[in-house]
Amino acid sequence: QVQLVESGGGLVQPGGSLRLSCAASGFSFSRSQMYWYRKAPGKRREWVAGISEIGDTTNYPDSVKGRFLISRNNAKNTLYLQMNSLKLEDSALYYCNVLLVGDDYWGQGTQVTVSS
């Protein structure tokens, strides 16, 4: 079955960096567009980044553009999110996501807390 397992979250000071990982299995990772989302308490889930199947195209909302970098290693079936210049408002539970035919799959999330 499809599994997405995020890791790499933690507590970081404003201006710091974190690198999230998402280990994928149970589907054809190299043929799937992948996404990162986040959900903060009291806020709606927010799309954070997207990447094409071979990683040649990436997209970000303005809120993270220039600070976050999504990448992938298809040989390792792993998705990454490099987060730099972190702000207090980046604190959230971060999820990786894949949309396959007929179904939307999510990992359990990894918590990122930005605090001084």
C-alpha atoms as a PDB file:
ATOM      1  CA  GLN A   1       0.000   0.000   0.000  1.00  0.00           C
ATOM      2  CA  VAL A   2       0.993   3.620  -0.403  1.00  0.00           C
ATOM      3  CA  GLN A   3       3.148   4.906   2.435  1.00  0.00           C
ATOM      4  CA  LEU A   4       4.574   8.357   2.985  1.00  0.00           C
ATOM      5  CA  VAL A   5       6.784   8.845   6.026  1.00  0.00           C
ATOM      6  CA  GLU A   6       8.006  12.337   6.860  1.00  0.00           C
ATOM      7  CA  SER A   7      10.957  13.137   9.090  1.00  0.00           C
ATOM      8  CA  GLY A   8      13.347  15.943   9.900  1.00  0.00           C
ATOM      9  CA  GLY A   9      11.127  18.325  11.784  1.00  0.00           C
ATOM     10  CA  GLY A  10      12.124  19.971  15.026  1.00  0.00           C
ATOM     11  CA  LEU A  11      12.588  23.161  16.973  1.00  0.00           C
ATOM     12  CA  VAL A  12      14.570  25.931  15.280  1.00  0.00           C
ATOM     13  CA  GLN A  13      15.171  29.605  15.927  1.00  0.00           C
ATOM     14  CA  PRO A  14      13.941  32.274  13.524  1.00  0.00           C
ATOM     15  CA  GLY A  15      16.346  32.561  10.620  1.00  0.00           C
ATOM     16  CA  GLY A  16      17.398  28.947  10.963  1.00  0.00           C
ATOM     17  CA  SER A  17      17.120  26.037   8.554  1.00  0.00           C
ATOM     18  CA  LEU A  18      15.658  22.548   8.492  1.00  0.00           C
ATOM     19  CA  ARG A  19      15.562  19.819   5.894  1.00  0.00           C
ATOM     20  CA  LEU A  20      12.505  17.602   5.783  1.00  0.00           C
ATOM     21  CA  SER A  21      12.419  14.197   4.137  1.00  0.00           C
ATOM     22  CA  CYS A  22       9.567  12.028   2.938  1.00  0.00           C
ATOM     23  CA  ALA A  23      10.205   8.342   2.268  1.00  0.00           C
ATOM     24  CA  ALA A  24       7.715   6.995  -0.244  1.00  0.00           C
ATOM     25  CA  SER A  25       6.713   3.438  -1.042  1.00  0.00           C
ATOM     26  CA  GLY A  26       3.881   1.439  -2.559  1.00  0.00           C
ATOM     27  CA  PHE A  27       3.581   3.393  -5.791  1.00  0.00           C
ATOM     28  CA  SER A  28       5.645   4.521  -8.735  1.00  0.00           C
ATOM     29  CA  PHE A  29       7.440   7.435  -7.106  1.00  0.00           C
ATOM     30  CA  SER A  30       9.446   8.409 -10.179  1.00  0.00           C
ATOM     31  CA  ARG A  31       6.256   8.778 -12.192  1.00  0.00           C
ATOM     32  CA  SER A  32       4.408  10.897  -9.659  1.00  0.00           C
ATOM     33  CA  GLN A  33       4.274  14.613  -8.996  1.00  0.00           C
ATOM     34  CA  MET A  34       4.834  15.257  -5.317  1.00  0.00           C
ATOM     35  CA  TYR A  35       3.828  18.019  -2.947  1.00  0.00           C
ATOM     36  CA  TRP A  36       4.485  19.434   0.502  1.00  0.00           C
ATOM     37  CA  TYR A  37       1.701  20.954   2.582  1.00  0.00           C
ATOM     38  CA  ARG A  38       1.524  22.338   6.082  1.00  0.00           C
ATOM     39  CA  LYS A  39      -1.166  22.812   8.712  1.00  0.00           C
ATOM     40  CA  ALA A  40      -0.910  25.167  11.646  1.00  0.00           C
ATOM     41  CA  PRO A  41      -3.421  25.189  14.531  1.00  0.00           C
ATOM     42  CA  GLY A  42      -6.418  27.348  13.698  1.00  0.00           C
ATOM     43  CA  LYS A  43      -5.362  27.779  10.084  1.00  0.00           C
ATOM     44  CA  ARG A  44      -6.309  26.074   6.857  1.00  0.00           C
ATOM     45  CA  ARG A  45      -3.987  23.547   5.289  1.00  0.00           C
ATOM     46  CA  GLU A  46      -1.585  25.356   2.992  1.00  0.00           C
ATOM     47  CA  TRP A  47       0.235  24.092  -0.084  1.00  0.00           C
ATOM     48  CA  VAL A  48       3.969  24.718   0.319  1.00  0.00           C
ATOM     49  CA  ALA A  49       5.736  23.256  -2.706  1.00  0.00           C
ATOM     50  CA  GLY A  50       5.323  20.983  -5.695  1.00  0.00           C
ATOM     51  CA  ILE A  51       7.726  19.127  -7.955  1.00  0.00           C
ATOM     52  CA  SER A  52       7.409  17.325 -11.265  1.00  0.00           C
ATOM     53  CA  GLU A  53       8.136  13.652 -11.796  1.00  0.00           C
ATOM     54  CA  ILE A  54      11.783  14.139 -12.741  1.00  0.00           C
ATOM     55  CA  GLY A  55      12.295  17.251 -10.672  1.00  0.00           C
ATOM     56  CA  ASP A  56      12.771  19.691 -13.525  1.00  0.00           C
ATOM     57  CA  THR A  57       9.817  21.838 -12.535  1.00  0.00           C
ATOM     58  CA  THR A  58       9.074  23.195  -9.066  1.00  0.00           C
ATOM     59  CA  ASN A  59       6.424  25.570  -7.762  1.00  0.00           C
ATOM     60  CA  TYR A  60       5.937  27.523  -4.545  1.00  0.00           C
ATOM     61  CA  PRO A  61       3.456  29.985  -3.105  1.00  0.00           C
ATOM     62  CA  ASP A  62       4.707  33.500  -2.482  1.00  0.00           C
ATOM     63  CA  SER A  63       4.810  32.847   1.265  1.00  0.00           C
ATOM     64  CA  VAL A  64       7.823  30.515   0.923  1.00  0.00           C
ATOM     65  CA  LYS A  65       9.283  31.378  -2.491  1.00  0.00           C
ATOM     66  CA  GLY A  66      12.985  32.072  -2.265  1.00  0.00           C
ATOM     67  CA  ARG A  67      13.278  30.423   1.152  1.00  0.00           C
ATOM     68  CA  PHE A  68      12.112  26.835   0.566  1.00  0.00           C
ATOM     69  CA  LEU A  69      13.488  24.367  -1.955  1.00  0.00           C
ATOM     70  CA  ILE A  70      11.751  21.134  -2.906  1.00  0.00           C
ATOM     71  CA  SER A  71      13.778  18.321  -4.432  1.00  0.00           C
ATOM     72  CA  ARG A  72      13.625  14.588  -4.947  1.00  0.00           C
ATOM     73  CA  ASN A  73      15.832  11.547  -5.334  1.00  0.00           C
ATOM     74  CA  ASN A  74      13.992   9.046  -7.484  1.00  0.00           C
ATOM     75  CA  ALA A  75      16.650   6.391  -6.924  1.00  0.00           C
ATOM     76  CA  LYS A  76      15.881   6.564  -3.195  1.00  0.00           C
ATOM     77  CA  ASN A  77      12.119   7.209  -3.496  1.00  0.00           C
ATOM     78  CA  THR A  78      12.575  10.229  -1.288  1.00  0.00           C
ATOM     79  CA  LEU A  79      11.193  13.752  -1.367  1.00  0.00           C
ATOM     80  CA  TYR A  80      12.898  16.658   0.385  1.00  0.00           C
ATOM     81  CA  LEU A  81      12.071  20.146   1.547  1.00  0.00           C
ATOM     82  CA  GLN A  82      14.955  22.439   2.409  1.00  0.00           C
ATOM     83  CA  MET A  83      13.644  25.308   4.512  1.00  0.00           C
ATOM     84  CA  ASN A  84      15.845  28.360   5.030  1.00  0.00           C
ATOM     85  CA  SER A  85      15.324  31.707   6.732  1.00  0.00           C
ATOM     86  CA  LEU A  86      12.550  30.217   8.803  1.00  0.00           C
ATOM     87  CA  LYS A  87       9.973  32.538  10.313  1.00  0.00           C
ATOM     88  CA  LEU A  88       7.667  32.175  13.290  1.00  0.00           C
ATOM     89  CA  GLU A  89       4.742  31.767  10.894  1.00  0.00           C
ATOM     90  CA  ASP A  90       6.358  28.716   9.314  1.00  0.00           C
ATOM     91  CA  SER A  91       5.549  26.701  12.438  1.00  0.00           C
ATOM     92  CA  ALA A  92       3.200  23.880  11.433  1.00  0.00           C
ATOM     93  CA  LEU A  93       2.800  20.183  10.851  1.00  0.00           C
ATOM     94  CA  TYR A  94       4.352  19.470   7.460  1.00  0.00           C
ATOM     95  CA  TYR A  95       3.019  16.713   5.224  1.00  0.00           C
ATOM     96  CA  CYS A  96       4.071  15.220   1.933  1.00  0.00           C
ATOM     97  CA  ASN A  97       1.358  14.350  -0.516  1.00  0.00           C
ATOM     98  CA  VAL A  98       0.770  12.420  -3.686  1.00  0.00           C
ATOM     99  CA  LEU A  99      -2.343  12.370  -5.811  1.00  0.00           C
ATOM    100  CA  LEU A 100      -2.781   9.061  -7.561  1.00  0.00           C
ATOM    101  CA  VAL A 101      -5.676   7.998  -9.743  1.00  0.00           C
ATOM    102  CA  GLY A 102      -8.751   8.353  -7.590  1.00  0.00           C
ATOM    103  CA  ASP A 103      -6.997   8.880  -4.283  1.00  0.00           C
ATOM    104  CA  ASP A 104      -5.099  11.471  -2.295  1.00  0.00           C
ATOM    105  CA  TYR A 105      -2.391  10.168   0.050  1.00  0.00           C
ATOM    106  CA  TRP A 106      -0.776  11.842   3.032  1.00  0.00           C
ATOM    107  CA  GLY A 107       1.926  11.009   5.516  1.00  0.00           C
ATOM    108  CA  GLN A 108       1.562  11.402   9.255  1.00  0.00           C
ATOM    109  CA  GLY A 109       3.415  14.711   9.196  1.00  0.00           C
ATOM    110  CA  THR A 110       6.493  16.103  10.893  1.00  0.00           C
ATOM    111  CA  GLN A 111       6.282  19.051  13.273  1.00  0.00           C
ATOM    112  CA  VAL A 112       8.274  22.191  12.613  1.00  0.00           C
ATOM    113  CA  THR A 113       8.383  24.753  15.388  1.00  0.00           C
ATOM    114  CA  VAL A 114      10.085  28.092  14.881  1.00  0.00           C
ATOM    115  CA  SER A 115      10.624  29.855  18.169  1.00  0.00           C
ATOM    116  CA  SER A 116      13.145  32.045  19.885  1.00  0.00           C
END
